[in-house]
N, C-alpha and C. Protein backbone atom coordinates (compact mmCIF):
# COMPACT_ATOMS: atom_id res chain seq x y z
N MET A 1 63.87 41.29 109.86
CA MET A 1 63.21 40.83 111.34
C MET A 1 61.71 41.79 111.51
N LYS A 2 62.46 42.93 111.05
CA LYS A 2 61.16 44.32 111.19
C LYS A 2 59.84 43.86 110.56
N THR A 3 60.14 43.18 109.14
CA THR A 3 59.50 43.09 108.02
C THR A 3 58.29 41.86 108.46
N SER A 4 59.22 41.04 108.81
CA SER A 4 58.48 39.85 109.21
C SER A 4 57.25 39.94 110.18
N THR A 5 58.03 40.54 111.29
CA THR A 5 56.85 40.94 112.57
C THR A 5 55.71 41.93 112.10
N THR A 6 56.28 42.89 111.08
CA THR A 6 55.06 43.72 110.66
C THR A 6 54.20 42.82 109.95
N THR A 7 54.38 42.08 108.90
CA THR A 7 53.60 41.28 108.10
C THR A 7 53.03 40.09 109.03
N ARG A 8 53.38 39.64 109.87
CA ARG A 8 52.91 38.67 111.04
C ARG A 8 51.60 39.50 111.86
N THR A 9 51.96 40.72 112.06
CA THR A 9 50.77 41.83 112.57
C THR A 9 50.14 42.05 111.74
N LEU A 10 50.12 42.42 110.35
CA LEU A 10 49.26 42.55 109.80
C LEU A 10 48.28 41.18 109.15
N SER A 11 48.95 40.06 109.44
CA SER A 11 48.11 39.02 108.93
C SER A 11 46.97 38.61 109.91
N MET A 12 47.58 39.20 111.23
CA MET A 12 46.93 38.44 112.26
C MET A 12 45.54 39.77 112.38
N ALA A 13 45.95 40.79 112.09
CA ALA A 13 45.04 42.22 112.17
C ALA A 13 43.76 41.57 111.12
N PHE A 14 44.40 41.33 109.86
CA PHE A 14 43.72 40.79 108.60
C PHE A 14 42.74 39.63 109.04
N ALA A 15 43.22 38.29 109.38
CA ALA A 15 42.68 37.26 109.93
C ALA A 15 41.24 37.72 111.16
N ALA A 16 41.67 38.82 111.99
CA ALA A 16 40.60 39.22 112.89
C ALA A 16 39.56 39.76 112.35
N VAL A 17 39.76 40.51 110.90
CA VAL A 17 38.99 41.54 110.69
C VAL A 17 38.19 40.47 109.91
N LEU A 18 38.61 39.37 109.21
CA LEU A 18 37.77 38.42 108.32
C LEU A 18 36.95 37.42 109.30
N LEU A 19 37.80 37.24 110.53
CA LEU A 19 36.66 36.24 111.46
C LEU A 19 35.48 37.17 112.29
N SER A 20 35.74 38.68 112.23
CA SER A 20 34.60 39.41 112.99
C SER A 20 33.53 39.46 111.57
N GLY A 21 34.38 39.74 110.40
CA GLY A 21 33.04 39.97 109.17
C GLY A 21 32.28 38.51 109.29
N GLY A 22 33.01 37.26 109.20
CA GLY A 22 32.19 36.07 109.13
C GLY A 22 31.39 35.94 110.41
N MET A 23 31.52 36.61 111.57
CA MET A 23 30.85 36.34 112.53
C MET A 23 29.69 37.24 112.45
N THR A 24 29.67 38.19 111.95
CA THR A 24 28.36 39.41 111.82
C THR A 24 27.81 38.70 110.64
N ALA A 25 28.12 38.19 109.59
CA ALA A 25 27.19 37.68 108.45
C ALA A 25 26.64 36.22 109.07
N CYS A 26 27.06 35.52 109.89
CA CYS A 26 26.61 34.31 110.40
C CYS A 26 25.40 34.78 111.42
N LYS A 27 25.57 36.07 112.01
CA LYS A 27 24.58 36.55 112.95
C LYS A 27 23.15 37.20 112.27
N SER A 28 23.55 37.62 110.93
CA SER A 28 22.63 38.35 110.56
C SER A 28 21.71 37.13 109.41
N LYS A 29 22.50 36.49 109.03
CA LYS A 29 21.65 34.84 108.55
C LYS A 29 20.86 34.24 109.39
N LYS A 30 21.28 34.35 110.90
CA LYS A 30 20.59 33.66 111.84
C LYS A 30 19.36 34.56 111.99
N LYS A 31 19.32 35.74 112.20
CA LYS A 31 18.38 36.42 112.53
C LYS A 31 17.17 36.53 111.12
N GLN A 32 17.81 36.50 110.17
CA GLN A 32 16.92 36.42 108.94
C GLN A 32 15.91 34.95 108.66
N ALA A 33 16.64 34.00 109.64
CA ALA A 33 16.02 32.80 109.39
C ALA A 33 14.72 32.65 110.53
N GLU A 34 15.29 33.57 111.63
CA GLU A 34 14.05 33.52 112.62
C GLU A 34 13.03 34.69 112.51
N VAL A 35 13.19 35.36 111.57
CA VAL A 35 11.74 35.95 111.32
C VAL A 35 11.27 35.84 109.96
N LYS A 36 10.59 34.75 110.12
CA LYS A 36 10.27 34.23 108.88
C LYS A 36 8.50 34.60 108.90
N PRO A 37 8.22 35.40 107.88
CA PRO A 37 6.72 36.09 107.86
C PRO A 37 5.84 34.45 107.84
N ASP A 38 4.72 34.61 108.54
CA ASP A 38 3.50 33.63 108.65
C ASP A 38 3.19 33.38 107.42
N PRO A 39 3.23 31.87 106.97
CA PRO A 39 2.87 31.68 105.58
C PRO A 39 1.52 31.52 105.54
N THR A 40 0.44 31.87 106.36
CA THR A 40 -0.73 32.30 106.14
C THR A 40 -0.98 33.41 105.93
N GLY A 41 -0.21 34.29 106.29
CA GLY A 41 -0.54 36.06 105.93
C GLY A 41 -1.35 36.25 107.16
N GLU A 42 -1.42 35.50 108.18
CA GLU A 42 -1.91 36.03 109.52
C GLU A 42 -0.97 36.63 110.76
N THR A 43 -1.64 37.55 111.36
CA THR A 43 -0.96 38.10 112.23
C THR A 43 -1.68 38.03 113.49
N GLU A 44 -1.24 37.51 114.58
CA GLU A 44 -2.01 37.26 115.72
C GLU A 44 -2.21 38.37 116.68
N ILE A 45 -3.39 38.56 116.98
CA ILE A 45 -3.70 39.84 117.85
C ILE A 45 -3.73 39.61 119.33
N ILE A 46 -3.32 40.08 120.12
CA ILE A 46 -3.44 39.78 121.64
C ILE A 46 -3.96 40.79 122.00
N ILE A 47 -5.37 40.47 122.70
CA ILE A 47 -6.18 41.25 123.06
C ILE A 47 -5.84 41.40 124.80
N PRO A 48 -5.88 42.54 125.59
CA PRO A 48 -5.77 42.73 126.85
C PRO A 48 -6.84 42.06 127.66
N CYS A 49 -6.48 41.33 128.77
CA CYS A 49 -7.87 40.75 129.71
C CYS A 49 -8.54 39.93 129.04
N SER A 50 -8.01 38.91 128.03
CA SER A 50 -8.78 38.04 127.71
C SER A 50 -7.54 36.70 127.48
N GLY A 51 -8.50 35.72 127.21
CA GLY A 51 -7.34 34.47 127.22
C GLY A 51 -8.35 33.56 128.43
N PRO A 52 -7.49 32.26 128.43
CA PRO A 52 -8.04 31.20 129.23
C PRO A 52 -8.21 31.60 130.60
N GLU A 53 -6.93 32.02 130.99
CA GLU A 53 -7.35 32.74 132.50
C GLU A 53 -8.73 33.60 132.87
N PHE A 54 -9.37 34.18 131.86
CA PHE A 54 -10.32 34.96 132.04
C PHE A 54 -11.84 33.91 131.51
N PHE A 55 -11.49 32.85 131.63
CA PHE A 55 -12.78 32.03 131.25
C PHE A 55 -13.59 31.65 132.53
N THR A 56 -14.86 31.54 132.31
CA THR A 56 -15.79 31.11 133.32
C THR A 56 -15.47 29.49 133.53
N ASP A 57 -15.38 29.31 134.93
CA ASP A 57 -14.79 27.87 135.40
C ASP A 57 -16.28 27.27 136.22
N ASN A 58 -16.15 26.16 136.92
CA ASN A 58 -16.83 25.88 137.98
C ASN A 58 -16.86 26.81 138.89
N LYS A 59 -15.94 27.34 139.29
CA LYS A 59 -16.16 28.49 140.56
C LYS A 59 -16.69 29.62 140.18
N VAL A 60 -16.33 30.07 139.40
CA VAL A 60 -16.63 31.67 138.84
C VAL A 60 -17.30 32.00 137.74
N PHE A 61 -18.03 32.65 137.50
CA PHE A 61 -18.76 33.21 136.00
C PHE A 61 -17.58 34.53 135.78
N ARG A 62 -17.02 34.61 134.74
CA ARG A 62 -16.42 35.52 134.25
C ARG A 62 -16.64 36.37 132.69
N ALA A 63 -16.43 37.33 132.50
CA ALA A 63 -16.54 37.93 131.27
C ALA A 63 -15.45 39.03 131.10
N ASN A 64 -15.35 39.54 129.67
CA ASN A 64 -14.52 40.31 129.85
C ASN A 64 -14.99 41.13 128.53
N ASN A 65 -14.33 42.63 128.03
CA ASN A 65 -14.89 43.21 127.23
C ASN A 65 -14.38 44.59 127.04
N LEU A 66 -14.52 45.34 126.01
CA LEU A 66 -13.88 46.95 125.78
C LEU A 66 -14.72 47.99 125.63
N GLY A 67 -14.29 49.05 125.68
CA GLY A 67 -15.10 50.41 125.71
C GLY A 67 -14.18 51.45 124.98
N GLU A 68 -14.77 51.91 123.88
CA GLU A 68 -13.81 53.29 123.31
C GLU A 68 -14.66 54.33 123.40
N SER A 69 -13.68 55.73 124.05
CA SER A 69 -14.14 57.08 123.87
C SER A 69 -13.26 57.97 123.43
N MET A 70 -13.64 59.10 123.08
CA MET A 70 -12.72 60.29 123.23
C MET A 70 -12.36 60.51 124.81
N ASP A 71 -13.44 60.40 125.80
CA ASP A 71 -12.94 60.52 127.22
C ASP A 71 -12.95 59.19 127.85
N GLN A 72 -11.77 59.32 128.69
CA GLN A 72 -11.19 58.29 129.29
C GLN A 72 -11.99 57.44 130.51
N ALA A 73 -12.94 58.39 131.15
CA ALA A 73 -13.98 58.00 132.18
C ALA A 73 -14.90 56.79 131.35
N THR A 74 -15.66 57.67 130.58
CA THR A 74 -16.66 57.11 129.49
C THR A 74 -16.14 55.62 128.82
N SER A 75 -15.02 56.07 128.56
CA SER A 75 -14.55 54.38 127.56
C SER A 75 -14.28 53.28 128.90
N LYS A 76 -14.13 53.47 130.28
CA LYS A 76 -13.91 52.47 131.12
C LYS A 76 -15.51 52.30 131.39
N LYS A 77 -16.22 53.03 131.48
CA LYS A 77 -17.79 52.86 131.52
C LYS A 77 -18.65 51.76 130.79
N LYS A 78 -18.00 52.24 129.50
CA LYS A 78 -18.56 51.30 128.19
C LYS A 78 -18.17 49.90 128.31
N ALA A 79 -16.88 49.62 128.89
CA ALA A 79 -16.23 48.42 129.06
C ALA A 79 -16.86 47.55 130.07
N MET A 80 -17.01 48.20 131.05
CA MET A 80 -17.86 47.73 132.39
C MET A 80 -19.20 47.39 131.65
N SER A 81 -19.87 48.31 131.54
CA SER A 81 -21.32 48.04 130.99
C SER A 81 -21.33 46.82 129.89
N ASN A 82 -20.69 46.67 128.93
CA ASN A 82 -20.15 45.86 127.88
C ASN A 82 -19.86 44.37 128.47
N ALA A 83 -19.25 44.36 129.76
CA ALA A 83 -18.77 42.96 130.16
C ALA A 83 -19.53 42.48 131.03
N ARG A 84 -20.54 43.50 132.04
CA ARG A 84 -21.65 43.12 132.74
C ARG A 84 -22.82 42.39 131.66
N ALA A 85 -23.25 43.09 130.82
CA ALA A 85 -24.05 42.48 130.00
C ALA A 85 -23.72 41.25 129.55
N ASP A 86 -22.40 41.04 129.14
CA ASP A 86 -22.17 39.48 129.09
C ASP A 86 -22.23 38.95 129.64
N LEU A 87 -21.72 39.39 130.84
CA LEU A 87 -21.88 38.17 132.18
C LEU A 87 -23.30 37.62 132.43
N ALA A 88 -24.40 38.81 132.46
CA ALA A 88 -25.41 38.65 132.89
C ALA A 88 -26.02 37.80 131.87
N ALA A 89 -25.47 37.67 130.46
CA ALA A 89 -26.39 36.98 129.42
C ALA A 89 -25.43 35.54 129.90
N ALA A 90 -24.69 35.08 129.92
CA ALA A 90 -24.00 34.14 130.09
C ALA A 90 -24.38 33.12 131.68
N ILE A 91 -24.71 34.20 132.70
CA ILE A 91 -25.20 33.49 134.00
C ILE A 91 -26.79 33.17 133.86
N ASN A 92 -27.38 33.83 132.97
CA ASN A 92 -28.84 33.58 132.60
C ASN A 92 -28.89 32.25 131.69
N THR A 93 -28.31 32.21 131.04
CA THR A 93 -28.15 30.91 130.29
C THR A 93 -27.79 29.94 130.76
N ARG A 94 -27.09 29.78 131.58
CA ARG A 94 -26.37 28.50 132.58
C ARG A 94 -27.41 28.32 133.46
N VAL A 95 -28.54 29.40 134.14
CA VAL A 95 -29.45 29.08 135.46
C VAL A 95 -30.60 28.88 134.90
N LYS A 96 -30.88 28.87 133.27
CA LYS A 96 -31.95 28.62 132.50
C LYS A 96 -31.53 27.29 132.68
N ALA A 97 -30.84 26.45 132.02
CA ALA A 97 -30.32 24.89 131.88
C ALA A 97 -30.42 24.49 133.23
N VAL A 98 -30.17 25.30 134.67
CA VAL A 98 -30.12 24.32 136.10
C VAL A 98 -31.80 24.59 136.36
N ILE A 99 -32.20 25.70 136.14
CA ILE A 99 -33.93 25.63 136.27
C ILE A 99 -34.69 24.52 135.75
N ASP A 100 -33.99 24.50 134.17
CA ASP A 100 -35.25 23.44 133.41
C ASP A 100 -34.50 22.08 134.13
N ASN A 101 -33.84 21.45 134.43
CA ASN A 101 -32.99 20.33 134.76
C ASN A 101 -33.80 20.27 136.44
N TYR A 102 -33.49 21.14 137.10
CA TYR A 102 -34.41 20.99 138.45
C TYR A 102 -35.72 20.80 138.19
N VAL A 103 -36.21 21.61 137.76
CA VAL A 103 -37.90 21.48 137.54
C VAL A 103 -38.34 20.22 136.74
N ASN A 104 -37.71 19.98 135.86
CA ASN A 104 -38.07 18.44 135.24
C ASN A 104 -37.54 17.51 136.15
N SER A 105 -36.74 17.51 136.91
CA SER A 105 -36.31 16.42 138.19
C SER A 105 -37.19 16.40 139.39
N ARG A 106 -38.36 17.36 139.35
CA ARG A 106 -38.93 17.41 140.49
C ARG A 106 -40.33 16.51 140.01
N GLU A 107 -41.34 16.37 141.05
CA GLU A 107 -42.64 16.20 140.74
C GLU A 107 -43.64 17.31 140.85
N MET A 108 -43.96 18.05 140.05
CA MET A 108 -44.51 19.26 140.65
C MET A 108 -45.87 19.30 139.73
N GLN A 109 -47.01 20.14 139.83
CA GLN A 109 -47.78 20.72 138.78
C GLN A 109 -47.51 21.61 138.53
N ASN A 110 -48.07 22.13 137.44
CA ASN A 110 -48.07 23.63 136.59
C ASN A 110 -46.38 23.99 136.13
N ARG A 111 -45.51 22.70 135.79
CA ARG A 111 -44.01 22.79 135.62
C ARG A 111 -44.04 24.20 135.08
N GLU A 112 -44.82 24.50 133.70
CA GLU A 112 -44.22 25.70 132.96
C GLU A 112 -44.07 27.04 133.70
N GLU A 113 -45.41 27.25 134.67
CA GLU A 113 -45.52 28.04 135.51
C GLU A 113 -44.71 28.30 136.46
N ILE A 114 -44.34 27.21 136.96
CA ILE A 114 -43.20 27.33 138.08
C ILE A 114 -41.86 27.48 137.54
N GLY A 115 -41.48 27.14 136.42
CA GLY A 115 -40.20 27.11 135.62
C GLY A 115 -40.34 28.70 135.28
N GLU A 116 -41.33 29.24 134.78
CA GLU A 116 -41.30 30.79 134.46
C GLU A 116 -40.91 31.83 135.72
N ARG A 117 -41.73 31.42 137.12
CA ARG A 117 -41.44 31.89 138.35
C ARG A 117 -39.94 31.40 138.77
N TYR A 118 -39.54 30.92 138.49
CA TYR A 118 -37.85 30.71 139.05
C TYR A 118 -37.22 31.33 138.01
N GLU A 119 -37.31 31.75 136.83
CA GLU A 119 -36.87 32.08 135.74
C GLU A 119 -36.73 33.60 136.23
N ALA A 120 -37.82 33.92 136.46
CA ALA A 120 -38.13 35.46 136.85
C ALA A 120 -37.46 36.00 137.89
N LEU A 121 -37.34 35.01 139.06
CA LEU A 121 -36.59 35.57 140.41
C LEU A 121 -35.35 35.30 139.99
N ALA A 122 -34.83 34.39 139.10
CA ALA A 122 -33.27 34.39 138.85
C ALA A 122 -32.78 35.60 138.19
N ARG A 123 -33.70 36.21 137.40
CA ARG A 123 -33.29 37.46 136.79
C ARG A 123 -33.07 38.45 137.58
N GLU A 124 -34.10 38.57 138.70
CA GLU A 124 -33.75 39.65 140.02
C GLU A 124 -32.69 39.43 140.39
N VAL A 125 -32.05 38.03 140.73
CA VAL A 125 -30.98 37.63 141.27
C VAL A 125 -29.90 38.18 140.93
N VAL A 126 -29.79 37.60 139.49
CA VAL A 126 -28.57 38.39 138.59
C VAL A 126 -28.63 39.89 138.68
N ASP A 127 -29.69 40.53 138.28
CA ASP A 127 -29.18 41.85 138.58
C ASP A 127 -28.60 42.75 139.79
N GLN A 128 -29.40 41.84 140.77
CA GLN A 128 -28.55 42.45 142.20
C GLN A 128 -27.33 42.23 142.63
N GLN A 129 -26.90 40.91 141.91
CA GLN A 129 -25.55 40.43 142.21
C GLN A 129 -24.43 40.72 141.11
N LEU A 130 -24.97 41.58 140.08
CA LEU A 130 -24.19 42.08 139.25
C LEU A 130 -23.42 43.44 139.90
N THR A 131 -24.15 44.02 140.85
CA THR A 131 -23.40 45.36 141.32
C THR A 131 -22.08 44.58 142.22
N GLY A 132 -22.10 43.29 142.65
CA GLY A 132 -20.95 42.95 143.42
C GLY A 132 -19.88 42.33 142.66
N VAL A 133 -19.78 42.40 141.53
CA VAL A 133 -18.97 41.72 140.60
C VAL A 133 -17.56 42.34 140.78
N LYS A 134 -16.72 41.64 140.58
CA LYS A 134 -15.11 41.93 140.94
C LYS A 134 -14.28 42.05 139.90
N THR A 135 -13.76 43.19 139.61
CA THR A 135 -12.85 43.34 138.63
C THR A 135 -11.36 42.58 138.45
N ILE A 136 -11.03 41.84 137.75
CA ILE A 136 -9.81 40.81 138.01
C ILE A 136 -8.78 41.59 136.71
N CYS A 137 -9.30 42.22 135.93
CA CYS A 137 -8.17 42.70 135.07
C CYS A 137 -9.07 43.97 134.57
N GLU A 138 -7.78 45.26 134.17
CA GLU A 138 -8.27 46.42 133.63
C GLU A 138 -7.02 46.90 132.99
N LYS A 139 -7.17 47.20 131.92
CA LYS A 139 -6.22 47.90 130.74
C LYS A 139 -6.69 49.07 130.40
N MET A 140 -5.89 50.21 130.28
CA MET A 140 -6.19 51.34 129.63
C MET A 140 -5.24 51.57 128.04
N MET A 141 -5.44 51.89 127.25
CA MET A 141 -4.92 52.40 125.89
C MET A 141 -5.43 53.65 125.19
N ARG A 142 -4.63 54.04 124.55
CA ARG A 142 -4.50 55.29 124.11
C ARG A 142 -4.44 54.75 122.40
N VAL A 143 -5.01 55.41 121.50
CA VAL A 143 -5.49 54.98 120.28
C VAL A 143 -4.59 55.82 119.40
N ASN A 144 -3.34 55.47 118.99
CA ASN A 144 -2.77 56.67 118.54
C ASN A 144 -3.43 57.76 117.25
N ALA A 145 -4.10 56.62 116.29
CA ALA A 145 -4.80 57.30 115.01
C ALA A 145 -5.51 58.39 115.69
N THR A 146 -6.33 58.04 116.56
CA THR A 146 -7.61 58.93 117.08
C THR A 146 -7.55 59.99 118.19
N GLY A 147 -6.65 59.21 118.88
CA GLY A 147 -6.61 59.80 119.93
C GLY A 147 -7.50 59.22 121.05
N ASN A 148 -8.65 58.53 120.72
CA ASN A 148 -9.58 57.88 121.63
C ASN A 148 -8.88 57.12 122.98
N TYR A 149 -9.45 56.55 124.05
CA TYR A 149 -9.32 56.00 124.99
C TYR A 149 -9.66 54.33 124.53
N LYS A 150 -8.90 53.45 124.97
CA LYS A 150 -9.61 51.94 125.10
C LYS A 150 -9.49 51.43 125.95
N SER A 151 -10.44 50.92 126.74
CA SER A 151 -10.55 50.46 128.02
C SER A 151 -10.77 48.74 128.01
N TYR A 152 -10.06 48.04 128.56
CA TYR A 152 -10.14 46.82 128.35
C TYR A 152 -10.61 46.25 129.97
N VAL A 153 -11.36 45.05 130.11
CA VAL A 153 -11.69 45.16 131.68
C VAL A 153 -12.02 43.13 131.38
N ALA A 154 -11.80 42.57 132.67
CA ALA A 154 -12.31 41.26 132.64
C ALA A 154 -13.15 41.48 134.34
N ILE A 155 -14.15 40.97 134.25
CA ILE A 155 -14.91 40.74 135.58
C ILE A 155 -15.34 39.38 136.03
N GLU A 156 -15.54 38.98 136.97
CA GLU A 156 -15.78 38.06 137.68
C GLU A 156 -16.93 37.86 138.79
N LEU A 157 -18.00 36.85 138.95
CA LEU A 157 -18.86 36.64 140.10
C LEU A 157 -18.88 35.22 140.72
N SER A 158 -18.79 35.29 141.55
CA SER A 158 -18.41 33.82 142.82
C SER A 158 -19.84 33.03 142.17
N ALA A 159 -19.62 32.06 142.07
CA ALA A 159 -20.64 31.04 141.56
C ALA A 159 -21.45 30.46 142.98
N GLN A 160 -20.61 30.56 143.93
CA GLN A 160 -21.27 30.01 145.46
C GLN A 160 -22.04 31.29 145.80
N GLU A 161 -21.64 32.20 145.70
CA GLU A 161 -22.27 33.40 146.36
C GLU A 161 -23.72 33.78 145.62
N LEU A 162 -23.62 33.37 143.86
CA LEU A 162 -24.63 33.37 143.13
C LEU A 162 -25.48 32.39 143.63
N LEU A 163 -25.51 31.29 144.04
CA LEU A 163 -26.16 30.34 144.68
C LEU A 163 -26.45 30.37 145.90
N ALA A 164 -26.14 31.09 146.90
CA ALA A 164 -26.44 31.54 147.93
C ALA A 164 -27.64 32.72 147.87
N ALA A 165 -27.44 33.61 146.89
CA ALA A 165 -28.47 34.71 146.51
C ALA A 165 -29.72 33.98 145.91
N TYR A 166 -29.48 33.07 145.18
CA TYR A 166 -30.70 32.14 144.57
C TYR A 166 -31.18 31.49 145.85
N ASN A 167 -30.80 30.90 146.50
CA ASN A 167 -31.14 30.27 147.53
C ASN A 167 -32.06 31.18 148.78
N GLN A 168 -31.44 32.38 149.00
CA GLN A 168 -32.35 33.29 149.47
C GLN A 168 -33.77 33.69 149.04
N ARG A 169 -33.50 34.03 147.83
CA ARG A 169 -34.56 34.67 147.26
C ARG A 169 -35.62 33.29 146.75
N LEU A 170 -35.21 32.19 146.48
CA LEU A 170 -36.08 31.18 146.28
C LEU A 170 -36.85 30.69 147.58
N SER A 171 -36.16 30.92 148.28
CA SER A 171 -36.69 30.43 149.69
C SER A 171 -37.83 31.35 150.46
N SER A 172 -37.77 32.71 149.93
CA SER A 172 -38.78 33.69 150.86
C SER A 172 -39.99 33.81 149.76
N ASP A 173 -40.06 33.14 148.49
CA ASP A 173 -40.95 33.04 147.58
C ASP A 173 -42.29 32.13 148.05
N GLU A 174 -43.18 32.58 148.52
CA GLU A 174 -44.37 31.79 149.16
C GLU A 174 -44.68 30.63 148.22
N ARG A 175 -44.89 30.93 147.06
CA ARG A 175 -45.56 30.10 146.00
C ARG A 175 -44.52 28.97 145.68
N LEU A 176 -43.32 29.16 145.38
CA LEU A 176 -42.29 28.41 145.43
C LEU A 176 -41.59 27.39 146.68
N ARG A 177 -41.98 28.13 147.69
CA ARG A 177 -41.40 27.33 149.08
C ARG A 177 -41.69 26.13 149.16
N ILE A 178 -43.03 25.69 148.90
CA ILE A 178 -43.61 24.36 149.07
C ILE A 178 -42.99 23.34 148.14
N ASP A 179 -42.28 23.70 147.09
CA ASP A 179 -41.72 22.56 146.20
C ASP A 179 -40.12 22.41 146.23
N TYR A 180 -39.89 23.69 146.70
CA TYR A 180 -38.38 24.23 146.63
C TYR A 180 -37.47 23.17 147.35
N ASP A 181 -36.20 22.64 147.06
CA ASP A 181 -35.45 21.52 148.05
C ASP A 181 -33.94 22.59 147.51
N TYR A 182 -33.46 23.06 148.42
CA TYR A 182 -32.13 23.43 148.51
C TYR A 182 -31.36 22.83 147.93
N GLU A 183 -31.13 21.81 148.67
CA GLU A 183 -30.18 20.34 148.29
C GLU A 183 -30.30 20.23 146.70
N LYS A 184 -31.43 19.56 146.24
CA LYS A 184 -31.64 19.43 144.81
C LYS A 184 -31.04 20.47 144.11
N PHE A 185 -31.54 21.73 144.37
CA PHE A 185 -31.12 22.59 143.30
C PHE A 185 -29.97 22.98 143.46
N LYS A 186 -29.08 23.05 144.49
CA LYS A 186 -27.54 23.18 144.75
C LYS A 186 -26.78 21.92 143.99
N GLU A 187 -27.37 20.74 144.18
CA GLU A 187 -26.65 19.76 143.29
C GLU A 187 -26.99 19.83 142.02
N THR A 188 -27.80 20.24 141.37
CA THR A 188 -28.21 20.56 139.86
C THR A 188 -27.12 21.65 139.40
N PHE A 189 -27.16 22.83 140.53
CA PHE A 189 -26.53 23.99 139.85
C PHE A 189 -25.24 23.55 139.86
N GLU A 190 -24.38 22.70 140.75
CA GLU A 190 -23.19 22.41 140.84
C GLU A 190 -22.58 21.38 139.63
N LYS A 191 -23.77 20.69 139.03
CA LYS A 191 -23.62 19.58 138.38
C LYS A 191 -23.31 20.92 136.76
N GLU A 192 -24.27 21.42 136.62
CA GLU A 192 -24.29 22.36 135.58
C GLU A 192 -22.83 23.03 135.58
N MET A 193 -22.25 23.60 136.68
CA MET A 193 -21.36 24.33 136.58
C MET A 193 -19.84 23.40 136.29
N GLU A 194 -20.09 22.19 136.68
CA GLU A 194 -18.84 21.23 136.41
C GLU A 194 -18.85 20.85 135.06
N ASN A 195 -20.29 20.92 134.33
CA ASN A 195 -20.07 20.65 132.58
C ASN A 195 -19.34 21.83 132.05
N MET A 196 -19.12 22.88 132.42
CA MET A 196 -18.70 24.07 132.22
C MET A 196 -17.09 23.68 131.91
N LYS A 197 -16.71 23.02 132.82
CA LYS A 197 -15.37 22.68 132.77
C LYS A 197 -14.65 21.73 131.62
N LYS A 198 -15.60 21.14 130.91
CA LYS A 198 -15.45 19.98 130.09
C LYS A 198 -15.61 20.63 128.57
């Protein structure tokens, strides 16, 4: 009786060891199946403060960039400066299209001269408005290999605030006030912003 109880206990212990070993083997095979190397040999790089939620849309202009320096504050200043430059370039490109469409839709003499005047005022407005940008994302990293700091930022500027600033500036210009139609300009501006969604 003792021998059969001992044998049964040993058999059950042996079965438990085999079962647990089999389960471990299944787990390790499963893990190997999940960690497949990318067949293209490429690795995705995730950049902080970037992606679809940081794109310009019909309500706001957005830009993101980075800056690197041995000094933490300098890396942030570089990132902000780079992002502001990108934002200004994007706004100037979009506003140039608005001005071209607006001027061409109006019955104006000296269209070229008036278009140039609008663009000059637009650049002034952009420069003034960039001081009021809103930071929507900010990440600071330390580069292990060099010890440098890397700052990532994303900023935005409201399209409606920009439109209001343009209106104020264009309305106060004596040469342009004669031919300036705010409603038409606003309609052209909003149509151009809607095109950005597509």
